[in-house]
C-alpha atoms as a PDB file:
ATOM      1  CA  MET A   1       0.171   0.035   0.125  1.00  0.00           C
ATOM      2  CA  SER A   2       1.327   2.907  -0.679  1.00  0.00           C
ATOM      3  CA  ASP A   3      -0.628   5.202   2.059  1.00  0.00           C
ATOM      4  CA  LEU A   4      -1.361   4.116   5.580  1.00  0.00           C
ATOM      5  CA  PRO A   5      -4.818   3.110   5.498  1.00  0.00           C
ATOM      6  CA  PHE A   6      -5.217   4.910   9.058  1.00  0.00           C
ATOM      7  CA  THR A   7      -3.973   8.041  10.712  1.00  0.00           C
ATOM      8  CA  LEU A   8      -2.223   9.094  14.450  1.00  0.00           C
ATOM      9  CA  ASP A   9      -5.498  10.590  15.188  1.00  0.00           C
ATOM     10  CA  GLN A  10      -7.627   8.036  14.025  1.00  0.00           C
ATOM     11  CA  LEU A  11      -5.350   5.034  16.275  1.00  0.00           C
ATOM     12  CA  ARG A  12      -6.066   7.798  19.204  1.00  0.00           C
ATOM     13  CA  ILE A  13      -9.636   7.786  18.998  1.00  0.00           C
ATOM     14  CA  LEU A  14      -9.411   3.717  18.915  1.00  0.00           C
ATOM     15  CA  LYS A  15      -7.904   3.882  22.067  1.00  0.00           C
ATOM     16  CA  ALA A  16      -9.649   6.051  23.645  1.00  0.00           C
ATOM     17  CA  ILE A  17     -13.057   4.367  22.988  1.00  0.00           C
ATOM     18  CA  ALA A  18     -11.529   0.914  23.974  1.00  0.00           C
ATOM     19  CA  LEU A  19     -10.585   3.063  27.247  1.00  0.00           C
ATOM     20  CA  GLU A  20     -14.036   4.874  27.734  1.00  0.00           C
ATOM     21  CA  GLY A  21     -16.497   2.613  27.043  1.00  0.00           C
ATOM     22  CA  SER A  22     -18.340   4.881  24.763  1.00  0.00           C
ATOM     23  CA  PHE A  23     -18.359   6.837  21.926  1.00  0.00           C
ATOM     24  CA  LYS A  24     -19.223  10.149  23.517  1.00  0.00           C
ATOM     25  CA  ARG A  25     -17.059   9.951  27.083  1.00  0.00           C
ATOM     26  CA  ALA A  26     -14.320   9.440  24.099  1.00  0.00           C
ATOM     27  CA  ALA A  27     -15.057  12.624  22.404  1.00  0.00           C
ATOM     28  CA  ASP A  28     -15.172  13.947  26.214  1.00  0.00           C
ATOM     29  CA  SER A  29     -11.644  12.984  26.573  1.00  0.00           C
ATOM     30  CA  LEU A  30     -10.310  14.511  23.849  1.00  0.00           C
ATOM     31  CA  TYR A  31     -12.302  17.225  23.916  1.00  0.00           C
ATOM     32  CA  VAL A  32     -13.660  16.572  20.585  1.00  0.00           C
ATOM     33  CA  SER A  33     -17.979  16.479  19.076  1.00  0.00           C
ATOM     34  CA  GLN A  34     -19.047  12.904  19.119  1.00  0.00           C
ATOM     35  CA  PRO A  35     -20.541  12.696  15.368  1.00  0.00           C
ATOM     36  CA  ALA A  36     -16.484  13.626  14.740  1.00  0.00           C
ATOM     37  CA  VAL A  37     -15.357  10.456  16.956  1.00  0.00           C
ATOM     38  CA  SER A  38     -18.179   8.839  14.789  1.00  0.00           C
ATOM     39  CA  LEU A  39     -17.672  10.181  11.712  1.00  0.00           C
ATOM     40  CA  GLN A  40     -13.206   9.215  12.565  1.00  0.00           C
ATOM     41  CA  VAL A  41     -13.995   5.523  13.361  1.00  0.00           C
ATOM     42  CA  GLN A  42     -16.379   5.709  10.144  1.00  0.00           C
ATOM     43  CA  ASN A  43     -13.458   6.387   7.420  1.00  0.00           C
ATOM     44  CA  LEU A  44     -11.739   4.369   9.860  1.00  0.00           C
ATOM     45  CA  GLU A  45     -13.714   0.999   8.699  1.00  0.00           C
ATOM     46  CA  ARG A  46     -13.973   2.060   5.512  1.00  0.00           C
ATOM     47  CA  GLN A  47     -10.491   2.198   4.692  1.00  0.00           C
ATOM     48  CA  LEU A  48      -9.513  -0.686   6.527  1.00  0.00           C
ATOM     49  CA  ASP A  49     -12.746  -2.668   4.738  1.00  0.00           C
ATOM     50  CA  VAL A  50     -13.600  -4.570   8.080  1.00  0.00           C
ATOM     51  CA  PRO A  51     -15.301  -3.452  11.545  1.00  0.00           C
ATOM     52  CA  LEU A  52     -14.044  -2.380  14.405  1.00  0.00           C
ATOM     53  CA  PHE A  53     -16.928  -2.246  16.746  1.00  0.00           C
ATOM     54  CA  ASP A  54     -19.810  -4.073  17.953  1.00  0.00           C
ATOM     55  CA  ARG A  55     -22.433  -2.211  17.490  1.00  0.00           C
ATOM     56  CA  GLY A  56     -25.956  -4.203  19.786  1.00  0.00           C
ATOM     57  CA  GLY A  57     -24.491  -3.236  23.142  1.00  0.00           C
ATOM     58  CA  ARG A  58     -24.200  -0.085  24.809  1.00  0.00           C
ATOM     59  CA  ARG A  59     -20.835  -0.171  25.757  1.00  0.00           C
ATOM     60  CA  ALA A  60     -18.629   0.017  22.355  1.00  0.00           C
ATOM     61  CA  GLN A  61     -17.216  -3.650  22.177  1.00  0.00           C
ATOM     62  CA  LEU A  62     -14.017  -4.245  20.000  1.00  0.00           C
ATOM     63  CA  THR A  63     -14.441  -6.586  17.214  1.00  0.00           C
ATOM     64  CA  GLU A  64     -11.495  -9.043  16.926  1.00  0.00           C
ATOM     65  CA  ALA A  65      -9.994  -6.771  13.741  1.00  0.00           C
ATOM     66  CA  GLY A  66     -10.268  -3.646  16.315  1.00  0.00           C
ATOM     67  CA  HIS A  67      -8.922  -5.848  19.359  1.00  0.00           C
ATOM     68  CA  LEU A  68      -5.771  -5.600  16.363  1.00  0.00           C
ATOM     69  CA  LEU A  69      -5.598  -2.646  15.572  1.00  0.00           C
ATOM     70  CA  LEU A  70      -5.715  -1.064  19.309  1.00  0.00           C
ATOM     71  CA  SER A  71      -2.653  -3.647  19.896  1.00  0.00           C
ATOM     72  CA  TYR A  72      -0.934  -2.271  17.141  1.00  0.00           C
ATOM     73  CA  GLY A  73      -1.505   1.119  17.882  1.00  0.00           C
ATOM     74  CA  GLU A  74      -0.877   1.266  20.850  1.00  0.00           C
ATOM     75  CA  LYS A  75       2.642   0.541  19.994  1.00  0.00           C
ATOM     76  CA  ILE A  76       2.950   2.956  17.343  1.00  0.00           C
ATOM     77  CA  LEU A  77       1.592   5.534  19.771  1.00  0.00           C
ATOM     78  CA  SER A  78       4.382   4.941  22.185  1.00  0.00           C
ATOM     79  CA  LEU A  79       6.978   4.927  19.722  1.00  0.00           C
ATOM     80  CA  CYS A  80       5.705   8.818  19.035  1.00  0.00           C
ATOM     81  CA  GLN A  81       5.511   9.614  22.151  1.00  0.00           C
ATOM     82  CA  GLU A  82       9.008   8.299  22.351  1.00  0.00           C
ATOM     83  CA  THR A  83      10.316   9.600  19.506  1.00  0.00           C
ATOM     84  CA  CYS A  84       9.199  13.712  20.723  1.00  0.00           C
ATOM     85  CA  ARG A  85      11.066  13.125  23.730  1.00  0.00           C
ATOM     86  CA  ALA A  86      14.280  12.085  22.202  1.00  0.00           C
ATOM     87  CA  ILE A  87      14.005  15.351  20.000  1.00  0.00           C
ATOM     88  CA  GLU A  88      13.268  17.257  23.539  1.00  0.00           C
ATOM     89  CA  ASP A  89      16.474  16.066  24.582  1.00  0.00           C
ATOM     90  CA  LEU A  90      18.044  17.953  21.750  1.00  0.00           C
ATOM     91  CA  GLN A  91      17.709  20.928  24.247  1.00  0.00           C
ATOM     92  CA  ASN A  92      19.886  19.403  27.295  1.00  0.00           C
ATOM     93  CA  LEU A  93      17.660  19.051  30.223  1.00  0.00           C
ATOM     94  CA  GLN A  94      16.052  22.831  29.139  1.00  0.00           C
ATOM     95  CA  GLY A  95      12.410  20.803  28.911  1.00  0.00           C
ATOM     96  CA  GLY A  96      11.169  17.254  28.411  1.00  0.00           C
ATOM     97  CA  THR A  97       9.380  15.840  30.043  1.00  0.00           C
ATOM     98  CA  LEU A  98      10.519  12.969  33.244  1.00  0.00           C
ATOM     99  CA  ILE A  99       7.787  10.637  33.532  1.00  0.00           C
ATOM    100  CA  VAL A 100       8.110   8.523  37.169  1.00  0.00           C
ATOM    101  CA  GLY A 101       5.580   5.636  38.831  1.00  0.00           C
ATOM    102  CA  ALA A 102       5.279   4.044  41.924  1.00  0.00           C
ATOM    103  CA  SER A 103       2.966   1.870  44.503  1.00  0.00           C
ATOM    104  CA  GLN A 104       0.807   3.416  46.638  1.00  0.00           C
ATOM    105  CA  THR A 105       3.062   3.752  49.431  1.00  0.00           C
ATOM    106  CA  THR A 106       6.672   4.970  47.732  1.00  0.00           C
ATOM    107  CA  GLY A 107       4.452   7.106  45.594  1.00  0.00           C
ATOM    108  CA  THR A 108       2.872   8.989  48.846  1.00  0.00           C
ATOM    109  CA  TYR A 109       5.191   9.191  50.986  1.00  0.00           C
ATOM    110  CA  LEU A 110       9.519   8.469  48.930  1.00  0.00           C
ATOM    111  CA  LEU A 111       8.165   9.673  45.670  1.00  0.00           C
ATOM    112  CA  PRO A 112       7.931  13.508  46.437  1.00  0.00           C
ATOM    113  CA  LYS A 113      10.732  13.931  47.890  1.00  0.00           C
ATOM    114  CA  MET A 114      12.501  12.869  45.421  1.00  0.00           C
ATOM    115  CA  ILE A 115      10.248  14.635  43.037  1.00  0.00           C
ATOM    116  CA  GLY A 116      11.694  18.017  44.688  1.00  0.00           C
ATOM    117  CA  MET A 117      14.887  17.578  45.019  1.00  0.00           C
ATOM    118  CA  PHE A 118      14.905  16.902  41.053  1.00  0.00           C
ATOM    119  CA  ARG A 119      12.516  19.951  40.274  1.00  0.00           C
ATOM    120  CA  GLN A 120      14.931  22.331  42.309  1.00  0.00           C
ATOM    121  CA  LYS A 121      17.841  21.613  40.594  1.00  0.00           C
ATOM    122  CA  TYR A 122      16.496  21.051  36.982  1.00  0.00           C
ATOM    123  CA  PRO A 123      12.897  22.905  36.941  1.00  0.00           C
ATOM    124  CA  ASP A 124      12.375  22.957  33.486  1.00  0.00           C
ATOM    125  CA  VAL A 125      11.441  19.604  33.046  1.00  0.00           C
ATOM    126  CA  ALA A 126       8.160  18.813  33.212  1.00  0.00           C
ATOM    127  CA  VAL A 127       7.943  15.545  36.013  1.00  0.00           C
ATOM    128  CA  GLN A 128       4.196  13.655  36.272  1.00  0.00           C
ATOM    129  CA  LEU A 129       4.011  10.820  39.187  1.00  0.00           C
ATOM    130  CA  HIS A 130       1.332   8.390  38.548  1.00  0.00           C
ATOM    131  CA  VAL A 131       0.905   6.391  41.332  1.00  0.00           C
ATOM    132  CA  HIS A 132      -1.448   3.088  40.630  1.00  0.00           C
ATOM    133  CA  SER A 133      -0.928  -0.947  41.926  1.00  0.00           C
ATOM    134  CA  THR A 134       2.421  -2.269  41.884  1.00  0.00           C
ATOM    135  CA  ARG A 135       0.785  -5.072  38.523  1.00  0.00           C
ATOM    136  CA  ARG A 136      -0.042  -1.392  36.528  1.00  0.00           C
ATOM    137  CA  THR A 137       2.825   0.186  36.643  1.00  0.00           C
ATOM    138  CA  ALA A 138       5.289  -2.258  35.861  1.00  0.00           C
ATOM    139  CA  TRP A 139       2.808  -2.378  32.976  1.00  0.00           C
ATOM    140  CA  SER A 140       3.374   1.241  32.448  1.00  0.00           C
ATOM    141  CA  VAL A 141       7.139   1.067  32.152  1.00  0.00           C
ATOM    142  CA  ALA A 142       7.310  -2.126  30.328  1.00  0.00           C
ATOM    143  CA  ASN A 143       4.732  -0.241  27.740  1.00  0.00           C
ATOM    144  CA  GLY A 144       7.611   2.719  27.474  1.00  0.00           C
ATOM    145  CA  GLN A 145       4.089   5.132  29.279  1.00  0.00           C
ATOM    146  CA  VAL A 146       7.278   5.231  32.226  1.00  0.00           C
ATOM    147  CA  ASP A 147      10.311   6.322  32.903  1.00  0.00           C
ATOM    148  CA  LEU A 148      11.027   4.056  35.740  1.00  0.00           C
ATOM    149  CA  ALA A 149       9.328   3.646  39.034  1.00  0.00           C
ATOM    150  CA  ILE A 150       9.785   2.706  42.253  1.00  0.00           C
ATOM    151  CA  ILE A 151       7.393  -0.484  43.747  1.00  0.00           C
ATOM    152  CA  GLY A 152       6.770  -2.374  46.636  1.00  0.00           C
ATOM    153  CA  GLY A 153       4.575  -5.413  45.427  1.00  0.00           C
ATOM    154  CA  GLU A 154       5.035  -8.409  43.770  1.00  0.00           C
ATOM    155  CA  ILE A 155       6.143  -7.950  39.850  1.00  0.00           C
ATOM    156  CA  PRO A 156       3.892  -9.740  37.232  1.00  0.00           C
ATOM    157  CA  GLY A 157       5.908 -12.760  36.323  1.00  0.00           C
ATOM    158  CA  GLU A 158       5.177 -12.280  32.527  1.00  0.00           C
ATOM    159  CA  LEU A 159       7.601  -9.396  33.280  1.00  0.00           C
ATOM    160  CA  ALA A 160      10.061 -10.534  34.783  1.00  0.00           C
ATOM    161  CA  GLU A 161      12.123 -10.691  31.074  1.00  0.00           C
ATOM    162  CA  SER A 162      11.350  -7.640  29.791  1.00  0.00           C
ATOM    163  CA  LEU A 163      11.750  -5.047  32.912  1.00  0.00           C
ATOM    164  CA  GLU A 164      15.193  -5.129  34.491  1.00  0.00           C
ATOM    165  CA  ILE A 165      14.267  -5.395  38.548  1.00  0.00           C
ATOM    166  CA  ILE A 166      17.071  -3.355  40.841  1.00  0.00           C
ATOM    167  CA  PRO A 167      16.722  -3.810  44.831  1.00  0.00           C
ATOM    168  CA  TYR A 168      17.072  -0.188  45.451  1.00  0.00           C
ATOM    169  CA  ALA A 169      16.068   0.080  48.975  1.00  0.00           C
ATOM    170  CA  GLU A 170      14.799  -1.483  52.240  1.00  0.00           C
ATOM    171  CA  ASP A 171      11.489  -0.571  53.895  1.00  0.00           C
ATOM    172  CA  GLU A 172      10.898  -1.877  57.418  1.00  0.00           C
ATOM    173  CA  LEU A 173       6.915  -1.668  58.208  1.00  0.00           C
ATOM    174  CA  VAL A 174       6.770  -1.237  61.889  1.00  0.00           C
ATOM    175  CA  LEU A 175       3.462  -1.326  64.984  1.00  0.00           C
ATOM    176  CA  ILE A 176       2.348   1.714  65.702  1.00  0.00           C
ATOM    177  CA  LEU A 177      -0.082   2.605  68.820  1.00  0.00           C
ATOM    178  CA  PRO A 178      -1.705   5.452  70.447  1.00  0.00           C
ATOM    179  CA  VAL A 179       0.656   7.154  71.828  1.00  0.00           C
ATOM    180  CA  PHE A 180      -1.846   6.129  75.825  1.00  0.00           C
ATOM    181  CA  HIS A 181      -1.749   2.617  75.187  1.00  0.00           C
ATOM    182  CA  PRO A 182      -0.766   0.937  78.115  1.00  0.00           C
ATOM    183  CA  LEU A 183       1.758  -0.964  76.195  1.00  0.00           C
ATOM    184  CA  THR A 184       3.844   2.209  74.974  1.00  0.00           C
ATOM    185  CA  LYS A 185       5.378   2.399  78.552  1.00  0.00           C
ATOM    186  CA  LEU A 186       6.617  -0.668  77.482  1.00  0.00           C
ATOM    187  CA  GLU A 187      10.940  -0.913  75.741  1.00  0.00           C
ATOM    188  CA  THR A 188       9.597  -3.314  73.388  1.00  0.00           C
ATOM    189  CA  ILE A 189       6.485  -5.818  73.821  1.00  0.00           C
ATOM    190  CA  GLN A 190       6.264  -9.335  72.963  1.00  0.00           C
ATOM    191  CA  LYS A 191       5.074 -11.639  69.821  1.00  0.00           C
ATOM    192  CA  ASP A 192       1.964 -12.973  70.995  1.00  0.00           C
ATOM    193  CA  ASP A 193       1.061  -9.576  72.877  1.00  0.00           C
ATOM    194  CA  LEU A 194       0.513  -8.731  69.127  1.00  0.00           C
ATOM    195  CA  TYR A 195      -2.002 -11.000  69.151  1.00  0.00           C
ATOM    196  CA  LYS A 196      -4.110  -9.446  72.277  1.00  0.00           C
ATOM    197  CA  LEU A 197      -4.451  -6.213  70.406  1.00  0.00           C
ATOM    198  CA  GLN A 198      -6.884  -4.963  68.082  1.00  0.00           C
ATOM    199  CA  PHE A 199      -6.040  -3.946  64.370  1.00  0.00           C
ATOM    200  CA  ILE A 200      -6.840  -1.467  61.947  1.00  0.00           C
ATOM    201  CA  ALA A 201      -5.918  -2.888  58.508  1.00  0.00           C
ATOM    202  CA  LEU A 202      -6.597  -1.986  55.216  1.00  0.00           C
ATOM    203  CA  ASP A 203      -8.862  -4.188  52.509  1.00  0.00           C
ATOM    204  CA  SER A 204      -7.819  -7.636  52.018  1.00  0.00           C
ATOM    205  CA  GLN A 205      -7.829  -7.239  48.746  1.00  0.00           C
ATOM    206  CA  SER A 206      -5.068  -4.484  48.694  1.00  0.00           C
ATOM    207  CA  THR A 207      -1.732  -5.167  47.092  1.00  0.00           C
ATOM    208  CA  ILE A 208       0.312  -3.623  50.209  1.00  0.00           C
ATOM    209  CA  ARG A 209      -2.143  -5.773  52.951  1.00  0.00           C
ATOM    210  CA  LYS A 210      -1.206  -8.411  51.185  1.00  0.00           C
ATOM    211  CA  VAL A 211       3.062  -7.409  51.158  1.00  0.00           C
ATOM    212  CA  ILE A 212       2.091  -6.878  54.705  1.00  0.00           C
ATOM    213  CA  ASP A 213       0.777 -10.514  55.616  1.00  0.00           C
ATOM    214  CA  GLN A 214       3.803 -12.108  53.542  1.00  0.00           C
ATOM    215  CA  VAL A 215       6.884  -9.668  55.049  1.00  0.00           C
ATOM    216  CA  LEU A 216       4.833 -10.939  58.827  1.00  0.00           C
ATOM    217  CA  ALA A 217       4.412 -14.303  57.871  1.00  0.00           C
ATOM    218  CA  ARG A 218       8.277 -14.505  57.118  1.00  0.00           C
ATOM    219  CA  CYS A 219       9.266 -13.024  60.539  1.00  0.00           C
ATOM    220  CA  GLU A 220       6.849 -16.039  61.860  1.00  0.00           C
ATOM    221  CA  ILE A 221       4.061 -13.795  63.002  1.00  0.00           C
ATOM    222  CA  ASP A 222       0.641 -15.546  61.782  1.00  0.00           C
ATOM    223  CA  THR A 223      -1.562 -12.417  60.800  1.00  0.00           C
ATOM    224  CA  ARG A 224      -4.781 -14.906  60.199  1.00  0.00           C
ATOM    225  CA  ARG A 225      -4.665 -14.881  64.557  1.00  0.00           C
ATOM    226  CA  PHE A 226      -4.490 -10.836  64.142  1.00  0.00           C
ATOM    227  CA  LYS A 227      -8.561  -9.522  65.588  1.00  0.00           C
ATOM    228  CA  ILE A 228      -8.506  -6.987  62.419  1.00  0.00           C
ATOM    229  CA  GLU A 229     -10.955  -4.130  64.254  1.00  0.00           C
ATOM    230  CA  MET A 230     -11.672  -2.527  60.788  1.00  0.00           C
ATOM    231  CA  GLU A 231     -10.668  -2.176  57.340  1.00  0.00           C
ATOM    232  CA  LEU A 232      -9.579   1.352  55.509  1.00  0.00           C
ATOM    233  CA  ASN A 233      -8.277   1.657  52.295  1.00  0.00           C
ATOM    234  CA  SER A 234      -6.069   4.078  52.843  1.00  0.00           C
ATOM    235  CA  ILE A 235      -2.240   4.485  54.908  1.00  0.00           C
ATOM    236  CA  GLU A 236      -3.151   7.769  56.414  1.00  0.00           C
ATOM    237  CA  ALA A 237      -6.881   6.820  57.009  1.00  0.00           C
ATOM    238  CA  ILE A 238      -5.352   3.845  58.888  1.00  0.00           C
ATOM    239  CA  LYS A 239      -2.646   6.200  60.689  1.00  0.00           C
ATOM    240  CA  ASN A 240      -5.513   8.709  62.076  1.00  0.00           C
ATOM    241  CA  ALA A 241      -7.673   5.540  63.194  1.00  0.00           C
ATOM    242  CA  VAL A 242      -4.758   4.560  65.396  1.00  0.00           C
ATOM    243  CA  GLN A 243      -4.063   7.806  66.736  1.00  0.00           C
ATOM    244  CA  SER A 244      -8.073   8.374  67.191  1.00  0.00           C
ATOM    245  CA  GLY A 245      -7.427   5.009  69.943  1.00  0.00           C
ATOM    246  CA  LEU A 246      -9.079   2.530  68.077  1.00  0.00           C
ATOM    247  CA  GLY A 247      -6.163   0.030  67.331  1.00  0.00           C
ATOM    248  CA  ALA A 248      -2.999  -1.108  66.531  1.00  0.00           C
ATOM    249  CA  ALA A 249      -1.669  -0.970  62.732  1.00  0.00           C
ATOM    250  CA  PHE A 250       1.683  -2.306  61.145  1.00  0.00           C
ATOM    251  CA  VAL A 251       2.773   0.608  58.356  1.00  0.00           C
ATOM    252  CA  SER A 252       6.142   1.784  56.122  1.00  0.00           C
ATOM    253  CA  THR A 253       8.687   4.098  58.702  1.00  0.00           C
ATOM    254  CA  SER A 254       8.219   6.397  55.577  1.00  0.00           C
ATOM    255  CA  ALA A 255       4.111   7.023  56.208  1.00  0.00           C
ATOM    256  CA  ILE A 256       4.830   7.777  59.534  1.00  0.00           C
ATOM    257  CA  ALA A 257       7.739  10.326  60.252  1.00  0.00           C
ATOM    258  CA  LYS A 258       6.291  13.545  60.620  1.00  0.00           C
ATOM    259  CA  GLU A 259       3.353  12.062  63.329  1.00  0.00           C
ATOM    260  CA  LEU A 260       6.857  10.882  65.337  1.00  0.00           C
ATOM    261  CA  GLN A 261       8.247  13.726  65.050  1.00  0.00           C
ATOM    262  CA  MET A 262       4.660  15.408  66.648  1.00  0.00           C
ATOM    263  CA  GLY A 263       4.511  12.608  69.556  1.00  0.00           C
ATOM    264  CA  VAL A 264       1.084  11.916  68.164  1.00  0.00           C
ATOM    265  CA  LEU A 265       1.905   8.064  67.659  1.00  0.00           C
ATOM    266  CA  HIS A 266       3.927   5.567  69.027  1.00  0.00           C
ATOM    267  CA  CYS A 267       5.881   3.398  67.473  1.00  0.00           C
ATOM    268  CA  ALA A 268       6.293  -0.118  69.826  1.00  0.00           C
ATOM    269  CA  PRO A 269       9.132  -2.309  68.280  1.00  0.00           C
ATOM    270  CA  ILE A 270       8.871  -6.368  68.441  1.00  0.00           C
ATOM    271  CA  GLU A 271      11.233  -7.938  70.514  1.00  0.00           C
ATOM    272  CA  GLY A 272      13.929  -9.908  68.608  1.00  0.00           C
ATOM    273  CA  VAL A 273      12.166  -8.650  65.013  1.00  0.00           C
ATOM    274  CA  VAL A 274      12.672  -6.734  62.201  1.00  0.00           C
ATOM    275  CA  VAL A 275      10.214  -6.478  59.791  1.00  0.00           C
ATOM    276  CA  LYS A 276      11.675  -4.880  56.369  1.00  0.00           C
ATOM    277  CA  ARG A 277      10.862  -5.549  52.383  1.00  0.00           C
ATOM    278  CA  THR A 278      12.325  -4.796  49.555  1.00  0.00           C
ATOM    279  CA  LEU A 279      11.642  -1.884  47.440  1.00  0.00           C
ATOM    280  CA  TRP A 280      12.157  -2.993  44.172  1.00  0.00           C
ATOM    281  CA  LEU A 281      13.584  -0.162  40.962  1.00  0.00           C
ATOM    282  CA  ILE A 282      11.793  -1.122  37.540  1.00  0.00           C
ATOM    283  CA  PHE A 283      12.523   0.385  33.757  1.00  0.00           C
ATOM    284  CA  ASN A 284      12.617  -1.063  30.482  1.00  0.00           C
ATOM    285  CA  PRO A 285      16.649  -1.304  29.679  1.00  0.00           C
ATOM    286  CA  ASN A 286      14.915  -1.771  25.862  1.00  0.00           C
ATOM    287  CA  ARG A 287      13.672   1.788  25.331  1.00  0.00           C
ATOM    288  CA  TYR A 288      15.118   4.728  24.664  1.00  0.00           C
ATOM    289  CA  ARG A 289      15.806   6.178  28.231  1.00  0.00           C
ATOM    290  CA  SER A 290      15.601  10.448  28.277  1.00  0.00           C
ATOM    291  CA  LYS A 291      18.022  12.568  29.629  1.00  0.00           C
ATOM    292  CA  ALA A 292      16.019  13.247  32.974  1.00  0.00           C
ATOM    293  CA  ALA A 293      14.793   9.831  33.497  1.00  0.00           C
ATOM    294  CA  GLU A 294      18.960   9.896  32.780  1.00  0.00           C
ATOM    295  CA  ALA A 295      19.768  13.008  35.147  1.00  0.00           C
ATOM    296  CA  PHE A 296      17.156  11.424  37.995  1.00  0.00           C
ATOM    297  CA  SER A 297      18.517   8.010  38.087  1.00  0.00           C
ATOM    298  CA  GLN A 298      22.118   9.448  38.125  1.00  0.00           C
ATOM    299  CA  GLU A 299      21.732  12.133  41.010  1.00  0.00           C
ATOM    300  CA  ILE A 300      18.599  11.678  42.698  1.00  0.00           C
ATOM    301  CA  LEU A 301      17.972   8.101  42.910  1.00  0.00           C
ATOM    302  CA  PRO A 302      22.124   7.123  45.331  1.00  0.00           C
ATOM    303  CA  GLN A 303      20.626   9.388  47.953  1.00  0.00           C
ATOM    304  CA  PHE A 304      17.460   7.778  48.817  1.00  0.00           C
ATOM    305  CA  ALA A 305      19.456   3.619  48.205  1.00  0.00           C
ATOM    306  CA  THR A 306      20.044   1.246  50.529  1.00  0.00           C
ATOM    307  CA  PRO A 307      23.986   1.691  50.998  1.00  0.00           C
ATOM    308  CA  GLY A 308      25.775  -0.153  48.665  1.00  0.00           C
ATOM    309  CA  TRP A 309      22.908  -0.174  45.929  1.00  0.00           C
ATOM    310  CA  ASN A 310      24.947  -0.412  42.763  1.00  0.00           C
ATOM    311  CA  HIS A 311      23.609   2.671  40.477  1.00  0.00           C
ATOM    312  CA  ASN A 312      25.892   1.017  37.574  1.00  0.00           C
ATOM    313  CA  VAL A 313      23.996  -1.015  36.466  1.00  0.00           C
ATOM    314  CA  LEU A 314      21.835   1.802  34.967  1.00  0.00           C
ATOM    315  CA  LYS A 315      24.677   3.060  33.146  1.00  0.00           C
ATOM    316  CA  LEU A 316      25.688   0.136  31.948  1.00  0.00           C
ATOM    317  CA  THR A 317      22.240  -0.999  30.912  1.00  0.00           C
ATOM    318  CA  GLN A 318      22.473   2.468  29.124  1.00  0.00           C
ATOM    319  CA  LYS A 319      24.885   1.514  27.313  1.00  0.00           C
ATOM    320  CA  ASN A 320      23.716  -1.792  26.256  1.00  0.00           C
ATOM    321  CA  LEU A 321      20.847   0.394  24.883  1.00  0.00           C
ATOM    322  CA  MET A 322      22.805   2.352  22.934  1.00  0.00           C
ATOM    323  CA  VAL A 323      24.879  -0.137  20.921  1.00  0.00           C
ATOM    324  CA  ASN A 324      21.869  -2.371  20.383  1.00  0.00           C
ATOM    325  CA  THR A 325      19.812   0.434  18.821  1.00  0.00           C
ATOM    326  CA  LEU A 326      23.021   1.951  16.300  1.00  0.00           C
ATOM    327  CA  ASP A 327      23.312  -2.251  15.744  1.00  0.00           C
ATOM    328  CA  ALA A 328      19.750  -2.270  14.109  1.00  0.00           C
ATOM    329  CA  VAL A 329      19.382   1.189  13.171  1.00  0.00           C
ATOM    330  CA  ILE A 330      23.273   1.079  10.987  1.00  0.00           C
ATOM    331  CA  PRO A 331      23.314  -2.468   9.158  1.00  0.00           C
ATOM    332  CA  ASN A 332      26.507  -4.716   8.919  1.00  0.00           C
ATOM    333  CA  SER A 333      28.650  -3.986   6.144  1.00  0.00           C
ATOM    334  CA  THR A 334      28.538  -7.816   4.343  1.00  0.00           C
ATOM    335  CA  ASP A 335      24.078  -7.341   4.266  1.00  0.00           C
ATOM    336  CA  GLU A 336      22.783  -7.266   1.233  1.00  0.00           C
ATOM    337  CA  ASP A 337      21.320  -3.629   0.067  1.00  0.00           C
END
C-alpha cells in the first residue's frame, strides 16, 4: 500500500473509545464532538474494509479486527511519544518530560521528596508521577508509558524478562499504637502481645495488605490470628484511626515520620523482630531513556537508596541500549542492500 489506511488521530480515537467504553466519553476525553469521533471511525472502517466495533450493545465493544488494530496502534502511539521525547532531549534538560511510576506507599511518601529535589535542580523539566498498583505500574513501565518506577509489591511474572528489576532500598514495617496505649510503657513487646491487640488494616484485597501479611509471615507472625477491628482503604485513614485510639497497625516507617516527630503516634519495637521488605527499581532496558530520566537515575536515586546499591547497573544498561540501537539502525557491512 502506497498510503497507510489510518492516521495517528484515528488511532488515538480508537484507543480512547476502547478505554472509555463509549463514543461520547471518548469524544469528551479528547475534547472533540461525538459526530467527529463517529465520522473518523466510519472512515477508518471504510479504509480498512473491516468492522472495528460491535454496535449491538450499550458499551462499545471491539471486534477481533478492532483488538488487533488497537494492539498495534498502542505500540505506534507509544513510539511516537518516545520519538518526541528524544527530540526534546536535544535541548539538554532545558525542557522535556520525566514520567515516574510508583506503588501506593512509595508514591505517597517517598517519590514526592525525590521529585522535589529533582525539580530544584531542573526546574524546566516537566515531571509526572503516576501512582497505581504494582501490577499496573509494572505494565506501564514495560509499555514505555513510564520511564522508571519504584514499587514495593510483587512484579507480574510475565514481565520478569522484559524489565530490569533492581533491589533499591529496604522499607521497614513497624507497629504503631496510640500514644496512650498501655504497651507504650514497655521498651519492647512480645510476639504474643500482637494477638491481644485490635488491629486497623487495609482492605484484605489490597496489594499493600498482602505484602505486609507476607513479610510478617516470614517473621513467624501469623496475621490470621490478628483481631481486625476495622478495614480502611488508605494509609492516612489508618494512621488517623490509630491516633484516635481505635487500634494498632503495621505501616511503613516512611509513612509516619511526621507523626513520630509530632509525638502523636507511638512506634512499638517487637523483641527479636525486624520487619522489612524490599523496594524495587524497575525500568525497561529496551526503551529509550531520556536525559531527564538519566539525570534522575544518577543524581537523585542514589541519595535514597540502601547503602551498597549498585547504581552503575543503570549506566551499563544505558550503554548496552545505545549499542543495540545503533546495531539496529546501522546495518552490518556484510548485509545485502
